[in-house]
Amino acid sequence: MKTNLKVMVIGAGGNGSFFLKHIHRLIRKGQIPDGVSFTVFDGDDVEKKNTAYQDYETKDILENKAKVMSVRYDMLAKTHYVKDAKDFAGFDTIICCVDNKDFRELMFRYADKHPNVYWIDVRAEGQSVVIYTRNKKNILDVMLKTLPKESKGTSCQREYELSNGIVQMGNQIAAVITAQYFLNYIREEENPPVFNHMF
């Protein structure tokens, strides 16, 4: 079992807030060793609309997402977006919970040069879930081809559904699967290169 890891969780929104909730519970239940530490990065503040599909309450509105998670779950917080590879220094595990093409490309290129860095890339939109993990099949060229052509960020919910009061559970399903994949990793069990399903 891997007992000493520094984990960076990028994004505390629809995917990340629920992933961190599961991780906190696993820590309390003794499933994650004390030597594994988590730092959550997010430059966003909680908005009223986020409370419908992210793990936030009305009292969290206008607070920085990373700070809310760090206080709630006793983790470190970085209240900025990761736009520079320097932010990766000192971390050996990256959990990508943001839907951002530029960040993903930065992460994939960094990981290609640092083979000891493990990563999990979490993607959810509506009822669709796609999760990639560091694997010999997921080389840099393969992963770059999974990125959209434009750098437009998206949400874990479809805008037309949200505007009609419809919330899907894909992001919460993705968070649970990612928590299991993280457990597999620290228990030194190999994760599949990709999980892809529409519920």
Protein backbone atom coordinates (compact mmCIF):
# COMPACT_ATOMS: atom_id res chain seq x y z
CA MET A 1 0.00 0.00 0.00
CA LYS A 2 1.15 3.53 -0.78
CA THR A 3 1.30 5.28 2.58
CA ASN A 4 2.92 8.63 1.75
CA LEU A 5 1.40 10.63 -1.08
CA LYS A 6 0.85 14.29 -1.77
CA VAL A 7 -2.36 14.55 -3.77
CA MET A 8 -3.55 17.63 -5.62
CA VAL A 9 -7.25 17.79 -6.43
CA ILE A 10 -7.91 20.28 -9.21
CA GLY A 11 -11.42 21.66 -8.99
CA ALA A 12 -13.96 21.61 -6.17
CA GLY A 13 -17.11 21.93 -8.27
CA GLY A 14 -19.56 19.31 -9.47
CA ASN A 15 -17.03 16.47 -9.61
CA GLY A 16 -14.47 17.60 -7.05
CA SER A 17 -16.79 18.59 -4.19
CA PHE A 18 -18.37 15.12 -4.10
CA PHE A 19 -15.03 13.35 -4.63
CA LEU A 20 -13.63 15.18 -1.59
CA LYS A 21 -16.71 14.23 0.44
CA HIS A 22 -16.06 10.54 -0.29
CA ILE A 23 -12.34 10.90 0.39
CA HIS A 24 -13.03 12.51 3.77
CA ARG A 25 -15.30 9.63 4.73
CA LEU A 26 -12.68 7.09 3.63
CA ILE A 27 -10.07 8.86 5.75
CA ARG A 28 -12.37 8.79 8.79
CA LYS A 29 -13.04 5.08 8.23
CA GLY A 30 -9.30 4.30 8.14
CA GLN A 31 -9.23 3.36 4.47
CA ILE A 32 -6.68 6.03 3.51
CA PRO A 33 -3.40 6.14 5.49
CA ASP A 34 -2.47 9.19 7.58
CA GLY A 35 0.55 9.86 5.35
CA VAL A 36 -1.66 10.68 2.36
CA SER A 37 -2.35 14.42 2.21
CA PHE A 38 -4.74 16.35 -0.03
CA THR A 39 -4.55 19.89 -1.37
CA VAL A 40 -7.53 21.24 -3.29
CA PHE A 41 -7.09 23.95 -5.94
CA ASP A 42 -9.94 26.15 -7.14
CA GLY A 43 -10.19 29.84 -7.96
CA ASP A 44 -14.00 29.88 -8.08
CA ASP A 45 -16.42 31.17 -5.46
CA VAL A 46 -19.64 29.32 -4.72
CA GLU A 47 -22.62 30.71 -6.66
CA LYS A 48 -26.29 30.18 -5.87
CA LYS A 49 -26.75 27.94 -8.95
CA ASN A 50 -23.93 25.65 -7.72
CA THR A 51 -25.96 24.54 -4.71
CA ALA A 52 -28.29 22.59 -7.02
CA TYR A 53 -25.63 20.16 -8.27
CA GLN A 54 -22.46 20.66 -6.23
CA ASP A 55 -21.88 19.77 -2.58
CA TYR A 56 -22.48 23.28 -1.23
CA GLU A 57 -25.12 24.92 0.95
CA THR A 58 -26.63 28.40 0.86
CA LYS A 59 -24.26 29.51 3.66
CA ASP A 60 -21.29 28.79 1.35
CA ILE A 61 -22.34 31.27 -1.35
CA LEU A 62 -19.60 33.84 -2.16
CA GLU A 63 -16.98 31.77 -0.35
CA ASN A 64 -14.05 30.28 -2.27
CA LYS A 65 -14.76 26.62 -3.11
CA ALA A 66 -11.32 25.35 -2.13
CA LYS A 67 -11.53 27.15 1.23
CA VAL A 68 -14.98 25.71 1.97
CA MET A 69 -13.73 22.18 1.25
CA SER A 70 -10.53 22.68 3.24
CA VAL A 71 -12.41 23.86 6.34
CA ARG A 72 -15.09 21.19 6.03
CA TYR A 73 -12.67 18.30 5.44
CA ASP A 74 -9.44 19.51 7.11
CA MET A 75 -7.42 19.72 3.89
CA LEU A 76 -5.08 22.32 2.45
CA ALA A 77 -6.51 24.87 0.01
CA LYS A 78 -5.06 26.85 -2.86
CA THR A 79 -7.48 29.53 -3.97
CA HIS A 80 -6.25 29.93 -7.55
CA TYR A 81 -6.52 28.17 -10.90
CA VAL A 82 -3.62 25.98 -12.00
CA LYS A 83 -2.19 27.54 -15.15
CA ASP A 84 1.50 26.83 -14.66
CA ALA A 85 3.31 23.49 -14.37
CA LYS A 86 5.17 24.91 -11.35
CA ASP A 87 2.03 24.19 -9.30
CA PHE A 88 2.59 20.45 -9.84
CA ALA A 89 5.94 20.51 -8.02
CA GLY A 90 5.93 18.40 -4.87
CA PHE A 91 2.82 16.42 -5.77
CA ASP A 92 2.93 12.80 -6.90
CA THR A 93 -0.79 12.36 -7.64
CA ILE A 94 -3.13 14.62 -9.62
CA ILE A 95 -6.91 14.27 -9.61
CA CYS A 96 -8.38 16.41 -12.40
CA CYS A 97 -11.96 17.37 -11.55
CA VAL A 98 -12.26 20.39 -13.84
CA ASP A 99 -13.56 20.39 -17.39
CA ASN A 100 -10.88 22.60 -18.86
CA LYS A 101 -8.96 21.75 -22.03
CA ASP A 102 -5.97 23.95 -21.21
CA PHE A 103 -5.50 22.41 -17.76
CA ARG A 104 -5.79 18.87 -19.10
CA GLU A 105 -3.18 19.52 -21.77
CA LEU A 106 -0.86 21.05 -19.14
CA MET A 107 -1.36 17.99 -16.91
CA PHE A 108 -0.82 15.45 -19.69
CA ARG A 109 2.36 17.15 -20.90
CA TYR A 110 3.69 17.42 -17.34
CA ALA A 111 2.91 13.77 -16.58
CA ASP A 112 4.61 12.71 -19.83
CA LYS A 113 7.84 14.23 -18.51
CA HIS A 114 7.30 12.91 -14.97
CA PRO A 115 6.51 9.17 -15.24
CA ASN A 116 6.20 8.75 -11.47
CA VAL A 117 3.24 11.13 -11.27
CA TYR A 118 -0.09 9.31 -11.22
CA TRP A 119 -3.21 11.03 -12.51
CA ILE A 120 -6.96 10.46 -12.80
CA ASP A 121 -8.93 12.61 -15.24
CA VAL A 122 -12.62 12.89 -14.30
CA ARG A 123 -15.18 13.99 -16.90
CA ALA A 124 -18.93 14.18 -16.49
CA GLU A 125 -21.73 15.87 -18.39
CA GLY A 126 -25.34 15.16 -17.52
CA GLN A 127 -25.72 11.37 -17.44
CA SER A 128 -22.38 10.71 -19.17
CA VAL A 129 -19.23 9.76 -17.30
CA VAL A 130 -15.74 9.30 -18.72
CA ILE A 131 -12.72 8.70 -16.48
CA TYR A 132 -9.16 8.20 -17.72
CA THR A 133 -6.26 7.01 -15.58
CA ARG A 134 -2.51 6.94 -16.00
CA ASN A 135 -1.90 3.75 -17.92
CA LYS A 136 0.60 2.52 -20.51
CA LYS A 137 -2.22 2.79 -23.09
CA ASN A 138 -2.91 6.42 -22.24
CA ILE A 139 0.24 7.94 -23.67
CA LEU A 140 0.49 11.66 -24.40
CA ASP A 141 -0.64 11.49 -28.05
CA VAL A 142 -3.66 9.38 -27.13
CA MET A 143 -4.75 11.73 -24.36
CA LEU A 144 -4.28 14.88 -26.43
CA LYS A 145 -6.69 13.43 -28.98
CA THR A 146 -9.40 13.20 -26.30
CA LEU A 147 -9.38 16.98 -25.84
CA PRO A 148 -11.85 19.26 -27.62
CA LYS A 149 -10.49 21.58 -30.29
CA GLU A 150 -11.65 24.71 -28.50
CA SER A 151 -10.66 25.86 -25.00
CA LYS A 152 -14.26 26.37 -23.95
CA GLY A 153 -15.00 25.20 -20.40
CA THR A 154 -18.18 23.27 -19.78
CA SER A 155 -20.24 22.17 -16.80
CA CYS A 156 -21.00 18.74 -15.40
CA GLN A 157 -24.64 19.65 -16.10
CA ARG A 158 -26.19 20.49 -19.44
CA GLU A 159 -27.25 24.14 -19.54
CA TYR A 160 -30.60 23.47 -21.22
CA GLU A 161 -31.48 20.93 -18.52
CA LEU A 162 -30.41 23.19 -15.65
CA SER A 163 -32.52 26.04 -17.04
CA ASN A 164 -35.51 23.67 -16.83
CA GLY A 165 -34.73 22.62 -13.27
CA ILE A 166 -33.28 19.22 -14.26
CA VAL A 167 -30.17 17.97 -12.46
CA GLN A 168 -28.40 14.78 -13.55
CA MET A 169 -26.27 12.51 -11.35
CA GLY A 170 -23.31 11.87 -13.66
CA ASN A 171 -20.97 14.05 -11.62
CA GLN A 172 -21.80 12.24 -8.36
CA ILE A 173 -21.39 8.84 -10.04
CA ALA A 174 -18.03 10.00 -11.41
CA ALA A 175 -16.97 11.10 -7.91
CA VAL A 176 -17.71 7.67 -6.41
CA ILE A 177 -15.88 5.85 -9.19
CA THR A 178 -12.90 8.18 -8.81
CA ALA A 179 -12.79 7.54 -5.06
CA GLN A 180 -12.69 3.78 -5.77
CA TYR A 181 -9.98 4.28 -8.39
CA PHE A 182 -7.97 6.25 -5.85
CA LEU A 183 -8.33 3.42 -3.33
CA ASN A 184 -7.25 0.95 -6.01
CA TYR A 185 -4.19 3.07 -6.72
CA ILE A 186 -3.03 3.37 -3.10
CA ARG A 187 -3.68 -0.36 -2.67
CA GLU A 188 -1.45 -0.91 -5.73
CA GLU A 189 -4.19 -2.41 -7.86
CA GLU A 190 -4.25 -1.41 -11.53
CA ASN A 191 -7.12 0.74 -12.73
CA PRO A 192 -8.58 0.39 -16.21
CA PRO A 193 -7.33 3.00 -18.68
CA VAL A 194 -10.83 4.33 -19.29
CA PHE A 195 -14.35 4.12 -17.90
CA ASN A 196 -17.00 5.37 -20.31
CA HIS A 197 -20.71 5.05 -19.68
CA MET A 198 -23.97 6.92 -20.14
CA PHE A 199 -26.58 6.21 -17.51
